[in-house]
Protein backbone atom coordinates (compact mmCIF):
# COMPACT_ATOMS: atom_id res chain seq x y z
CA MET A 1 110.17 74.64 21.53
CA PHE A 2 111.57 75.92 24.49
CA SER A 3 115.21 74.35 25.28
CA ILE A 4 118.31 74.83 26.26
CA LYS A 5 119.69 74.57 22.48
CA SER A 6 117.27 77.56 21.89
CA LEU A 7 118.82 79.12 24.85
CA TRP A 8 122.54 78.75 23.18
CA GLU A 9 121.07 79.85 19.84
CA THR A 10 119.53 83.25 21.37
CA ALA A 11 122.52 84.21 24.00
CA LEU A 12 125.42 83.00 22.22
CA PRO A 13 125.14 86.68 19.81
CA LEU A 14 125.52 88.11 23.22
CA PHE A 15 128.96 87.28 23.64
CA PRO A 16 131.68 88.83 21.38
CA PHE A 17 133.98 85.57 20.24
CA ASN A 18 134.15 83.55 17.15
CA LYS A 19 130.45 82.31 15.56
CA LYS A 20 131.86 79.71 13.15
CA ARG A 21 133.99 77.50 15.97
CA PRO A 22 132.73 77.94 19.11
CA THR A 23 135.53 76.63 21.30
CA LYS A 24 134.70 74.98 24.80
CA LEU A 25 134.85 78.73 26.80
CA THR A 26 132.10 79.85 24.28
CA SER A 27 129.99 76.43 24.64
CA LEU A 28 130.24 76.63 28.50
CA LEU A 29 129.65 80.65 28.85
CA SER A 30 126.68 79.73 26.12
CA ILE A 31 125.32 77.04 28.35
CA VAL A 32 125.82 79.60 31.64
CA SER A 33 123.91 82.37 29.82
CA GLY A 34 121.35 80.29 28.85
CA PHE A 35 120.75 78.37 32.19
CA VAL A 36 120.72 82.31 33.63
CA LEU A 37 118.41 82.93 31.09
CA LEU A 38 116.06 80.16 32.07
CA VAL A 39 116.23 80.99 35.54
CA LEU A 40 115.67 84.96 34.87
CA GLY A 41 112.44 83.70 33.03
CA MET A 42 111.74 80.75 35.84
CA SER A 43 111.80 84.17 38.44
CA LEU A 44 109.82 86.27 36.42
CA LEU A 45 106.75 83.89 36.23
CA SER A 46 106.76 83.21 39.61
CA THR A 47 106.58 86.99 40.34
CA LEU A 48 103.88 87.49 37.84
CA SER A 49 102.01 83.93 39.47
CA SER A 50 102.68 86.03 43.42
CA LEU A 51 101.16 89.08 42.21
CA SER A 52 98.07 87.34 40.80
CA SER A 53 97.77 85.25 43.96
CA ILE A 54 97.73 89.12 46.02
CA ARG A 55 94.88 90.36 43.32
CA ASN A 56 93.54 87.29 44.62
CA LEU A 57 93.92 88.68 48.37
CA ASP A 58 95.79 85.36 48.65
CA ILE A 59 98.98 86.67 50.76
CA PRO A 60 100.30 83.26 52.24
CA LYS A 61 100.84 81.32 48.05
CA ALA A 62 101.51 84.82 46.82
CA ASP A 63 104.69 84.86 49.32
CA LYS A 64 105.46 81.25 49.05
CA GLN A 65 105.12 81.82 45.01
CA ALA A 66 107.62 84.65 45.23
CA GLY A 67 110.03 82.46 46.88
CA PHE A 68 112.28 81.48 43.95
CA ALA A 69 112.45 84.61 42.64
CA ARG A 70 113.21 86.30 45.70
CA VAL A 71 116.53 83.86 45.79
CA PHE A 72 117.23 85.13 42.25
CA SER A 73 116.74 88.61 42.67
CA GLY A 74 118.18 88.68 45.85
CA GLY A 75 121.30 87.70 44.05
CA LEU A 76 120.54 89.99 41.35
CA SER A 77 121.03 92.66 43.64
CA LYS A 78 123.98 91.85 45.22
CA ILE A 79 125.65 90.97 42.08
CA THR A 80 124.66 94.56 40.83
CA GLY A 81 125.97 95.77 44.05
CA SER A 82 122.37 97.75 44.34
CA LYS A 83 122.40 100.25 41.61
CA ILE A 84 120.28 99.15 39.39
CA ALA A 85 116.81 100.79 40.59
CA SER A 86 114.38 98.11 38.37
CA VAL A 87 116.08 95.25 40.30
CA GLU A 88 116.53 96.38 43.38
CA ALA A 89 112.61 97.49 43.16
CA TRP A 90 111.51 93.94 41.69
CA ASN A 91 113.87 92.47 45.24
CA SER A 92 112.26 94.98 47.52
CA SER A 93 109.01 93.93 46.40
CA LEU A 94 109.05 90.66 46.69
CA GLU A 95 110.80 90.85 50.30
CA LEU A 96 107.63 93.06 50.66
CA ILE A 97 105.06 90.72 50.33
CA HIS A 98 107.50 88.02 52.60
CA SER A 99 107.21 90.96 55.33
CA ILE A 100 103.07 91.38 54.63
CA ASN A 101 102.53 87.95 55.02
CA LEU A 102 104.38 87.32 57.88
CA PHE A 103 102.54 90.41 59.69
CA SER A 104 99.16 88.60 58.43
CA SER A 105 100.22 85.62 60.22
CA GLU A 106 100.93 87.43 63.36
CA LEU A 107 98.05 88.91 62.95
CA GLU A 108 95.52 85.75 62.28
CA ALA A 109 97.57 84.01 65.06
CA GLY A 110 97.16 86.59 67.46
CA LEU A 111 93.51 86.93 66.89
CA ASN A 112 93.31 83.36 67.56
CA LYS A 113 94.75 83.71 70.58
CA PHE A 114 92.42 86.12 71.60
CA GLY A 115 89.10 84.50 70.88
CA ALA A 116 90.76 81.94 73.26
CA GLY A 117 91.55 83.52 75.95
CA GLU A 118 95.31 83.10 75.76
CA LEU A 119 98.31 85.74 76.05
CA PHE A 120 99.44 87.16 73.19
CA SER A 121 101.70 89.63 72.39
CA LEU A 122 102.29 93.02 69.82
CA SER A 123 106.09 92.52 69.89
CA GLU A 124 106.34 90.14 66.71
CA LEU A 125 103.77 92.74 64.90
CA ALA A 126 105.85 95.75 65.95
CA VAL A 127 109.01 94.08 64.53
CA ASN A 128 106.97 92.60 61.09
CA SER A 129 105.14 96.76 60.66
CA SER A 130 108.50 98.02 61.04
CA GLN A 131 109.95 95.79 57.96
CA ILE A 132 107.19 96.87 55.62
CA SER A 133 107.41 100.25 56.77
CA GLU A 134 111.58 99.89 55.51
CA LYS A 135 110.88 98.02 51.98
CA ILE A 136 107.94 99.99 51.19
CA THR A 137 109.95 103.14 51.44
CA TYR A 138 112.87 101.52 49.41
CA LEU A 139 110.77 100.22 47.01
CA SER A 140 109.05 103.86 46.33
CA ALA A 141 112.58 105.51 46.55
CA GLN A 142 113.78 103.14 43.36
CA ILE A 143 110.94 103.89 41.71
CA GLU A 144 111.51 107.38 41.85
CA LYS A 145 115.15 106.81 40.37
CA SER A 146 113.83 104.36 37.32
CA MET A 147 112.67 106.12 34.66
CA LEU A 148 111.88 103.01 33.38
CA LEU A 149 109.99 101.75 36.45
CA GLN A 150 108.09 105.09 35.92
CA LYS A 151 106.68 104.10 32.56
CA LEU A 152 106.43 100.90 33.36
CA ILE A 153 103.88 101.71 36.63
CA LYS A 154 101.05 104.09 35.81
CA PRO A 155 101.04 107.46 38.11
CA GLU A 156 98.03 106.28 39.63
CA LYS A 157 100.00 103.20 41.67
CA GLN A 158 102.98 105.21 41.89
CA LYS A 159 101.22 107.27 44.58
CA GLN A 160 99.19 104.68 45.98
CA ILE A 161 102.91 102.87 46.69
CA SER A 162 104.20 105.89 47.89
CA GLU A 163 101.03 106.93 50.45
CA ALA A 164 101.26 103.47 51.70
CA ALA A 165 105.19 104.05 52.19
CA ARG A 166 104.26 106.97 54.15
CA MET A 167 101.32 106.16 55.88
CA SER A 168 103.63 102.24 57.26
CA SER A 169 106.27 105.07 58.43
CA GLU A 170 103.49 106.51 60.91
CA ILE A 171 102.31 103.13 61.65
CA ALA A 172 105.27 101.61 63.07
CA PRO A 173 105.98 103.94 66.13
CA ILE A 174 103.46 103.39 67.56
CA PHE A 175 103.54 99.57 66.81
CA SER A 176 107.13 99.77 68.17
CA GLU A 177 105.73 101.63 71.57
CA LEU A 178 102.78 99.72 72.61
CA SER A 179 105.25 96.80 72.41
CA GLN A 180 107.12 98.25 75.12
CA GLY A 181 106.36 98.81 78.99
CA ASP A 182 102.81 99.78 80.50
CA HIS A 183 100.38 100.62 78.57
CA LYS A 184 96.25 101.75 79.40
CA ILE A 185 94.12 102.29 76.86
CA LEU A 186 90.33 103.05 77.24
CA ILE A 187 88.18 102.22 74.44
CA LEU A 188 84.56 103.85 74.22
CA PHE A 189 81.51 102.72 72.51
CA GLN A 190 79.74 105.54 71.06
CA ASN A 191 76.13 104.55 70.32
CA THR A 192 75.59 106.43 67.31
CA ASP A 193 71.84 105.82 67.44
CA GLU A 194 71.51 108.69 69.81
CA LEU A 195 74.26 110.83 68.05
CA ARG A 196 76.71 113.34 69.14
CA ALA A 197 79.24 115.36 67.99
CA THR A 198 81.65 112.11 68.11
CA GLY A 199 79.82 109.85 66.55
CA GLY A 200 77.42 108.98 69.35
CA PHE A 201 76.47 108.77 73.30
CA ILE A 202 78.80 107.15 75.45
CA GLY A 203 76.70 103.95 76.57
CA SER A 204 79.32 102.52 77.83
CA TYR A 205 83.78 101.52 77.68
CA ALA A 206 86.24 99.22 78.11
CA LEU A 207 89.57 99.55 79.83
CA VAL A 208 92.55 97.46 77.94
CA GLN A 209 96.15 96.82 79.63
CA LEU A 210 98.75 96.41 77.61
CA GLN A 211 102.26 94.62 79.57
CA ASP A 212 105.21 94.77 76.36
CA GLY A 213 102.74 94.37 73.96
CA VAL A 214 101.05 91.35 76.05
CA LEU A 215 97.22 92.14 75.90
CA GLY A 216 95.96 91.60 79.42
CA GLU A 217 92.91 92.34 81.52
CA ILE A 218 90.23 93.89 79.71
CA ILE A 219 87.28 95.77 82.40
CA VAL A 220 84.12 96.32 80.56
CA GLU A 221 81.96 98.66 82.56
CA ASP A 222 78.51 100.89 81.99
CA ILE A 223 79.75 105.00 81.90
CA TYR A 224 78.17 105.53 84.88
CA ASP A 225 80.01 103.38 87.02
CA ALA A 226 83.07 106.07 85.90
CA ASP A 227 80.61 108.54 86.61
CA GLY A 228 79.13 107.74 89.32
CA GLN A 229 83.03 108.51 91.02
CA PHE A 230 82.21 112.58 90.40
CA THR A 231 81.47 114.96 93.03
CA GLY A 232 82.76 117.29 91.03
CA PHE A 233 80.87 120.15 89.71
CA ILE A 234 82.41 121.74 85.70
CA GLU A 235 80.65 124.56 83.88
CA PRO A 236 78.26 122.89 81.03
CA PRO A 237 78.89 124.16 77.61
CA ALA A 238 76.26 125.53 75.80
CA GLY A 239 73.93 123.14 74.54
CA VAL A 240 74.31 120.77 77.32
CA ARG A 241 73.98 123.96 80.24
CA GLU A 242 69.89 124.42 78.52
CA TYR A 243 69.13 120.51 77.63
CA LEU A 244 71.01 117.84 79.24
CA SER A 245 72.84 119.22 82.57
CA ALA A 246 69.87 119.65 84.74
CA ASN A 247 71.68 121.82 86.55
CA ASN A 248 74.49 118.98 87.43
CA GLY A 249 77.63 121.11 85.15
CA LEU A 250 79.02 118.94 82.63
CA ARG A 251 79.06 114.83 83.29
CA LEU A 252 81.28 112.01 82.05
CA PRO A 253 78.69 110.47 79.67
CA ASP A 254 78.05 113.33 77.22
CA ALA A 255 82.17 114.77 77.66
CA ASN A 256 82.25 114.08 74.24
CA TRP A 257 80.08 117.10 73.76
CA GLN A 258 83.01 119.53 71.64
CA PRO A 259 83.45 117.74 67.64
CA ASP A 260 86.96 117.72 67.64
CA PHE A 261 87.58 113.91 68.75
CA SER A 262 90.97 114.92 70.20
CA ASP A 263 89.65 117.96 72.49
CA SER A 264 87.01 115.58 73.57
CA ALA A 265 89.43 112.81 74.55
CA GLN A 266 91.20 115.24 77.08
CA GLN A 267 88.20 115.79 78.46
CA ILE A 268 86.90 112.95 79.13
CA LEU A 269 90.67 111.65 80.97
CA ARG A 270 89.94 114.41 83.33
CA PHE A 271 86.46 112.47 84.38
CA PHE A 272 88.53 109.31 84.51
CA ALA A 273 91.03 110.64 86.33
CA LEU A 274 88.76 112.04 89.19
CA ALA A 275 86.89 108.01 89.57
CA ASP A 276 90.46 106.83 89.96
CA ARG A 277 90.98 105.30 87.04
CA GLY A 278 94.18 104.92 86.61
CA LYS A 279 97.01 106.55 84.28
CA ILE A 280 95.89 105.99 80.69
CA ASP A 281 97.59 106.16 77.52
CA ALA A 282 95.23 106.23 74.97
CA VAL A 283 91.49 107.25 74.51
CA ILE A 284 89.76 104.81 71.27
CA GLY A 285 86.31 106.04 70.34
CA VAL A 286 84.33 103.09 68.63
CA ASN A 287 81.06 104.00 66.82
CA LEU A 288 77.88 101.66 67.06
CA ASN A 289 78.65 101.33 62.96
CA LEU A 290 81.92 99.38 63.37
CA ALA A 291 80.10 96.53 65.76
CA LYS A 292 77.24 96.04 63.40
CA THR A 293 79.61 95.80 60.67
CA LEU A 294 81.06 93.14 63.30
CA LEU A 295 78.31 91.23 63.59
CA GLU A 296 77.36 90.86 59.89
CA ILE A 297 80.29 88.93 58.86
CA THR A 298 80.47 87.30 61.88
CA GLY A 299 76.67 86.78 62.32
CA PRO A 300 74.27 86.27 65.26
CA ILE A 301 75.93 85.80 68.85
CA ASN A 302 74.37 84.03 71.36
CA LEU A 303 74.32 85.61 74.74
CA PRO A 304 72.96 82.35 76.90
CA ASP A 305 72.75 83.97 80.28
CA ASN A 306 70.56 87.26 79.41
CA GLU A 307 68.09 84.97 76.86
CA THR A 308 69.06 86.66 73.70
CA ILE A 309 70.73 86.73 70.41
CA LEU A 310 72.83 89.03 69.42
CA THR A 311 72.28 90.53 65.49
CA GLN A 312 73.69 93.91 63.45
CA GLU A 313 69.94 94.83 63.71
CA ASN A 314 69.50 94.81 67.39
CA VAL A 315 73.10 95.22 68.66
CA GLY A 316 72.43 99.04 69.76
CA SER A 317 69.28 98.11 71.72
CA VAL A 318 70.73 94.66 73.59
CA LEU A 319 73.71 96.85 74.64
CA ARG A 320 72.46 100.07 75.89
CA THR A 321 71.19 101.40 79.32
CA ASP A 322 68.54 103.38 79.16
CA ARG A 323 69.42 106.12 81.84
CA GLY A 324 65.28 105.74 83.80
CA GLU A 325 66.95 101.65 84.41
CA PHE A 326 69.97 102.37 85.02
CA PHE A 327 71.26 102.96 89.52
CA ALA A 328 74.13 102.68 91.10
CA GLY A 329 75.63 99.06 91.62
CA SER A 330 74.07 97.88 88.75
CA ARG A 331 76.26 94.96 87.09
CA ALA A 332 73.58 93.91 84.17
CA LYS A 333 74.68 95.97 81.56
CA THR A 334 78.49 95.35 82.32
CA GLN A 335 77.87 91.19 82.11
CA VAL A 336 75.87 91.41 78.76
CA LEU A 337 79.06 93.56 77.72
CA THR A 338 81.67 91.35 78.79
CA GLN A 339 79.59 88.16 77.26
CA ALA A 340 78.89 90.07 74.36
CA MET A 341 82.63 90.65 74.11
CA THR A 342 83.75 86.82 74.80
CA GLY A 343 81.10 85.60 72.12
CA LEU A 344 82.82 88.61 69.83
CA LYS A 345 86.45 87.54 70.73
CA LEU A 346 85.49 83.31 69.37
CA SER A 347 83.93 84.14 66.46
CA LEU A 348 86.41 86.68 65.09
CA ALA A 349 88.54 83.61 65.91
CA ASN A 350 86.80 80.71 64.06
CA LEU A 351 86.03 83.07 60.87
CA PRO A 352 87.39 81.55 57.75
CA LYS A 353 90.41 83.19 56.02
CA THR A 354 88.34 85.49 53.47
CA LYS A 355 86.34 86.70 56.09
CA LYS A 356 89.08 88.02 57.81
CA ILE A 357 90.58 90.27 54.71
CA LEU A 358 87.25 91.13 54.31
CA LEU A 359 86.39 92.26 57.57
CA ALA A 360 90.50 94.24 57.39
CA GLU A 361 88.62 95.58 54.13
CA LEU A 362 85.91 97.10 55.96
CA LEU A 363 87.78 98.33 59.07
CA LEU A 364 89.37 100.45 56.81
CA GLY A 365 86.22 102.05 55.59
CA HIS A 366 85.30 102.37 59.01
CA ILE A 367 88.46 103.90 60.03
CA LYS A 368 88.51 106.48 57.18
CA ASP A 369 84.24 107.46 58.08
CA ARG A 370 85.74 108.11 61.52
CA ASP A 371 83.88 105.55 62.67
CA VAL A 372 87.66 104.73 65.14
CA GLN A 373 89.25 107.84 66.00
CA ILE A 374 92.37 107.73 68.52
CA PHE A 375 93.52 109.99 70.84
CA PHE A 376 97.66 109.71 72.16
CA VAL A 377 98.83 111.37 75.73
CA ASP A 378 102.23 110.65 73.97
CA PRO A 379 102.65 114.05 71.58
CA SER A 380 104.94 112.31 69.10
CA LEU A 381 102.33 109.04 69.21
CA GLN A 382 99.32 111.44 68.35
CA GLU A 383 101.39 113.30 65.67
CA HIS A 384 101.90 110.08 63.96
CA ALA A 385 98.55 109.47 64.54
CA LYS A 386 97.07 113.09 62.99
CA ALA A 387 99.22 112.23 60.04
CA LEU A 388 97.07 108.57 59.44
CA ASN A 389 94.16 111.00 60.04
CA ILE A 390 92.39 108.60 62.64
CA THR A 391 92.65 111.52 65.40
CA GLY A 392 89.41 113.27 64.25
CA GLU A 393 90.68 116.85 64.73
CA LEU A 394 89.12 119.13 63.30
CA PRO A 395 91.13 120.54 60.02
CA SER A 396 93.55 123.41 59.37
CA VAL A 397 91.89 125.41 56.88
CA GLU A 398 94.72 128.10 56.04
CA SER A 399 93.63 129.69 53.14
CA GLN A 400 91.30 133.10 52.93
CA THR A 401 89.63 131.78 49.88
CA THR A 402 87.78 128.51 51.07
CA LEU A 403 84.56 128.12 52.95
CA PHE A 404 84.80 125.41 55.83
CA ILE A 405 81.73 123.94 56.33
CA TYR A 406 80.63 121.23 59.38
CA PRO A 407 76.67 120.68 60.05
CA VAL A 408 77.06 118.96 63.75
CA GLU A 409 74.39 117.16 65.33
CA SER A 410 73.85 116.67 68.94
CA ASN A 411 70.47 114.13 69.83
CA VAL A 412 69.89 115.91 73.23
CA GLY A 413 66.04 113.89 73.51
CA ILE A 414 67.88 111.57 75.19
CA ASN A 415 66.55 108.69 73.16
CA LYS A 416 67.30 106.51 70.28
CA VAL A 417 65.85 107.78 67.13
CA ASN A 418 68.07 108.60 65.12
CA PRO A 419 68.43 105.25 62.83
CA TYR A 420 64.27 106.76 61.54
CA VAL A 421 66.23 110.05 60.74
CA THR A 422 67.66 111.73 57.32
CA ARG A 423 68.74 114.53 56.07
CA LYS A 424 69.74 115.92 52.53
CA MET A 425 71.72 119.09 52.08
CA VAL A 426 72.17 122.08 49.66
CA VAL A 427 74.63 124.96 49.71
CA ALA A 428 74.04 127.66 47.10
CA GLN A 429 76.77 130.61 46.70
CA ALA A 430 76.76 133.68 44.90
CA GLY A 431 79.50 136.18 45.42
CA LYS A 432 79.99 136.27 49.27
CA LEU A 433 77.14 135.26 50.34
CA THR A 434 76.69 131.13 50.67
CA GLU A 435 73.07 129.71 51.97
CA ILE A 436 73.29 126.43 53.26
CA GLY A 437 69.95 124.44 53.36
CA ILE A 438 69.38 121.55 55.75
CA THR A 439 65.93 119.02 55.49
CA PHE A 440 65.43 116.89 58.07
CA SER A 441 63.71 113.81 57.96
CA HIS A 442 62.12 111.56 60.79
CA LEU A 443 60.66 108.36 58.65
CA ALA A 444 58.80 107.00 61.83
CA SER A 445 55.36 108.51 63.13
CA ASP A 446 55.45 105.87 65.86
CA GLN A 447 58.94 106.64 67.50
CA PRO A 448 59.60 109.93 70.12
CA GLY A 449 60.32 113.33 68.20
CA TYR A 450 64.33 114.60 67.00
CA ILE A 451 65.19 116.65 69.30
CA ASN A 452 68.43 117.66 67.58
CA TYR A 453 70.93 120.81 69.34
CA GLN A 454 72.05 121.94 65.63
CA ARG A 455 75.83 123.32 65.39
CA LEU A 456 77.42 124.90 62.22
CA ILE A 457 81.31 125.10 62.82
CA THR A 458 83.04 127.41 59.84
CA ASN A 459 85.99 129.83 59.78
CA PRO A 460 86.37 132.43 62.54
CA ASP A 461 86.17 135.15 59.87
CA THR A 462 82.76 134.32 58.57
CA GLU A 463 79.73 136.00 59.56
CA VAL A 464 76.29 133.95 60.54
CA VAL A 465 73.87 136.77 58.35
CA SER A 466 70.41 134.57 59.50
CA ILE A 467 69.34 131.13 60.97
CA ILE A 468 66.10 130.06 59.32
CA VAL A 469 64.16 127.27 61.26
CA ASP A 470 60.49 126.30 60.09
CA ASP A 471 60.28 129.49 58.29
CA GLU A 472 61.12 131.20 61.42
CA GLU A 473 64.31 134.11 61.90
CA LEU A 474 65.85 132.50 65.01
CA GLN A 475 66.95 136.11 66.82
CA ASN A 476 68.83 133.85 69.34
CA PHE A 477 71.21 131.61 69.16
CA ASP A 478 74.79 130.99 70.74
CA GLU A 479 77.77 132.14 68.69
CA GLU A 480 81.29 131.39 69.72
CA ILE A 481 84.62 131.22 68.95
CA ILE A 482 86.11 127.86 69.63
CA GLN A 483 90.29 126.34 69.15
CA SER A 484 90.61 123.05 68.08
CA PHE A 485 92.99 120.65 69.83
CA SER A 486 95.50 121.56 67.57
CA GLY A 487 95.08 125.27 68.25
CA ASN A 488 93.08 125.96 65.34
CA LYS A 489 89.72 128.82 65.75
CA PHE A 490 86.37 128.24 64.31
CA LYS A 491 83.24 129.88 64.78
CA GLN A 492 80.64 127.75 65.83
CA VAL A 493 77.32 128.73 66.29
CA GLY A 494 74.29 126.32 68.55
CA PHE A 495 70.63 126.16 68.39
CA LEU A 496 68.09 123.71 68.48
CA VAL A 497 66.00 122.00 66.14
CA PRO A 498 62.98 119.99 66.89
CA VAL A 499 61.41 117.42 64.10
CA SER A 500 58.21 115.50 64.62
CA PRO A 501 57.50 111.78 64.25
CA GLY A 502 56.68 111.63 60.39
CA GLU A 503 57.42 114.78 59.49
CA GLN A 504 60.04 117.02 58.20
CA GLN A 505 62.25 120.27 59.43
CA ARG A 506 64.26 122.33 57.41
CA VAL A 507 67.27 124.81 57.93
CA ARG A 508 68.46 127.37 56.08
CA ILE A 509 71.48 129.46 57.52
CA ALA A 510 73.58 132.05 55.29
CA LEU A 511 77.16 132.74 55.69
CA GLN A 512 79.02 135.90 54.11
CA LYS A 513 82.80 135.86 53.68
CA ASN A 514 85.23 139.15 53.00
CA GLU A 515 85.81 137.92 49.63
CA PRO A 516 83.89 135.08 47.39
CA PRO A 517 85.14 131.76 48.12
CA GLN A 518 86.60 130.19 45.36
CA LEU A 519 86.79 126.31 47.59
CA LEU A 520 84.41 124.71 50.08
CA LEU A 521 85.65 122.11 52.59
CA ILE A 522 82.83 120.48 54.07
CA ARG A 523 82.78 117.29 56.40
CA LYS A 524 80.63 114.75 57.33
CA GLN A 525 80.16 113.99 61.09
CA PRO A 526 80.77 110.61 61.87
CA GLY A 527 78.61 108.26 62.88
CA LEU A 528 76.44 109.69 59.62
CA GLN A 529 75.76 107.53 56.82
CA ALA A 530 76.88 109.43 53.50
CA ILE A 531 74.57 112.55 52.96
CA PRO A 532 73.30 113.96 49.61
CA LEU A 533 74.31 117.07 48.73
CA THR A 534 73.27 119.75 45.97
CA LEU A 535 76.31 122.55 44.86
CA ILE A 536 74.56 125.21 43.16
CA SER A 537 77.53 127.87 42.56
CA ASP A 538 77.07 130.43 39.28
CA ASP A 539 73.67 129.23 38.39
CA GLN A 540 75.08 126.10 38.14
CA SER A 541 74.13 122.62 40.41
CA LYS A 542 75.81 119.15 40.77
CA GLU A 543 74.48 116.31 43.06
CA LEU A 544 77.27 114.73 44.90
CA LEU A 545 77.54 112.65 48.33
CA VAL A 546 79.54 114.28 51.32
CA VAL A 547 81.04 110.66 52.56
CA ASN A 548 83.91 112.47 54.57
CA ASP A 549 86.39 116.12 54.01
CA GLN A 550 85.23 117.28 50.60
CA LEU A 551 86.87 119.89 48.75
CA ILE A 552 85.12 121.54 46.13
CA ALA A 553 85.98 124.25 43.45
CA LEU A 554 82.73 126.17 43.36
CA SER A 555 83.41 127.46 40.13
CA GLN A 556 83.42 123.78 39.01
CA ALA A 557 80.30 123.53 40.36
CA ASN A 558 78.99 121.85 37.29
């Protein structure tokens, strides 16, 4: 039976007093130590309950349960002079729960205000994100100091805490900067139904104003509104020149042609500057896949002015403008987009907490898949974003024994057939030679054909031995050295791959390096689903799914 007496009997041997005749002092000390043990036990139970609530994603409940333990651990930290790493880790983890709850509460309140059309500020989010960064960094440092904690906490959890500390230190400065001064953010809506290098055709965009962190007016427009303000001529790159420009040069709707999102963002900003849209501080590319996920969570949205119900199945067709239907001064698409955004804001604000948590998890997955990519004009913010791997920049490939493979598709058929097209890959490596096979399947016989300007980006010193399309070796194809936003050089080859409705088309590309590659770095294009890959090396094969950047040891293909 748990009692003060049992605690007294447990605690008494800890003190060097006469055990036969307890004095008033020893009795008092025993009662005090028993009380301390009782409070410690209750604090530990409070901590365990809090952790259980975190596993159930109930942050407010976790914060409330951790409150009692936080008082005790804070006092213990002061008594020990902040010198015991395990105590500091305990205390900082409890404070971290409180900071995360404050952040999530502010975020939810901001979302509700956003949905109701009220003004809300990023200032509190900036403060809370900074506190989270400080506490999780401190927690990670205490774990590194404590041998006990390193034994109690699994290595993978230690890595997760360390990575969370690193990421929070990059996020906090971005929030802080955006909560101060005036900022204009350009959001590009990329339609993956018409695949392009950075995710999809830019059908429309939004301009968002921030003033001292307060979200102001949001202007939604068709991409042709800004494009119509440009009267100059920009030399188009290969692929655009032959299949899209119609002798008009590079235009804004095709300006996300470069596979490096940061590079494309700079080109897009040049167009917006010429279109007199003011100084823009950041560009965010958002793919249609994210809109489908939002509608999956919120459910259908009624667009009464358009007599349409917006769903995850029809969002691509409802929110797009076909080139032939657009005319200068047309506001139809802008009105549909504005109404859709208003409806989406209201739906998000009214979501139950469980769905908001689910939405946050799915959003993180989309960011990882590069369905959301961000470019900052400010170099310091761009470095923070790059450290978070959200800039869409081409990776740095420094090792001479690493073969980089990045297949990039661009739908130049001016249609929306990509939902009906699948692809699978085979990479076979033997010595210095590597052959890449891509099989495209057009699943809809009642849809237009898929006209794909296929590019392959690889190491600058890699030799392209041959390219075969439809069992015929190409004698002419585009080949050049390109440079990423960060200054890294790559070789890019491009050629046309038509895929007829209901049929397949196979592409084979043979590459050769100066030395046999030991590692394969393969990247998936934003806007595509995971790609099945068969890897053949040393006469052994392995089935994989290409979901993001993947580094594979070729000698361990099996």
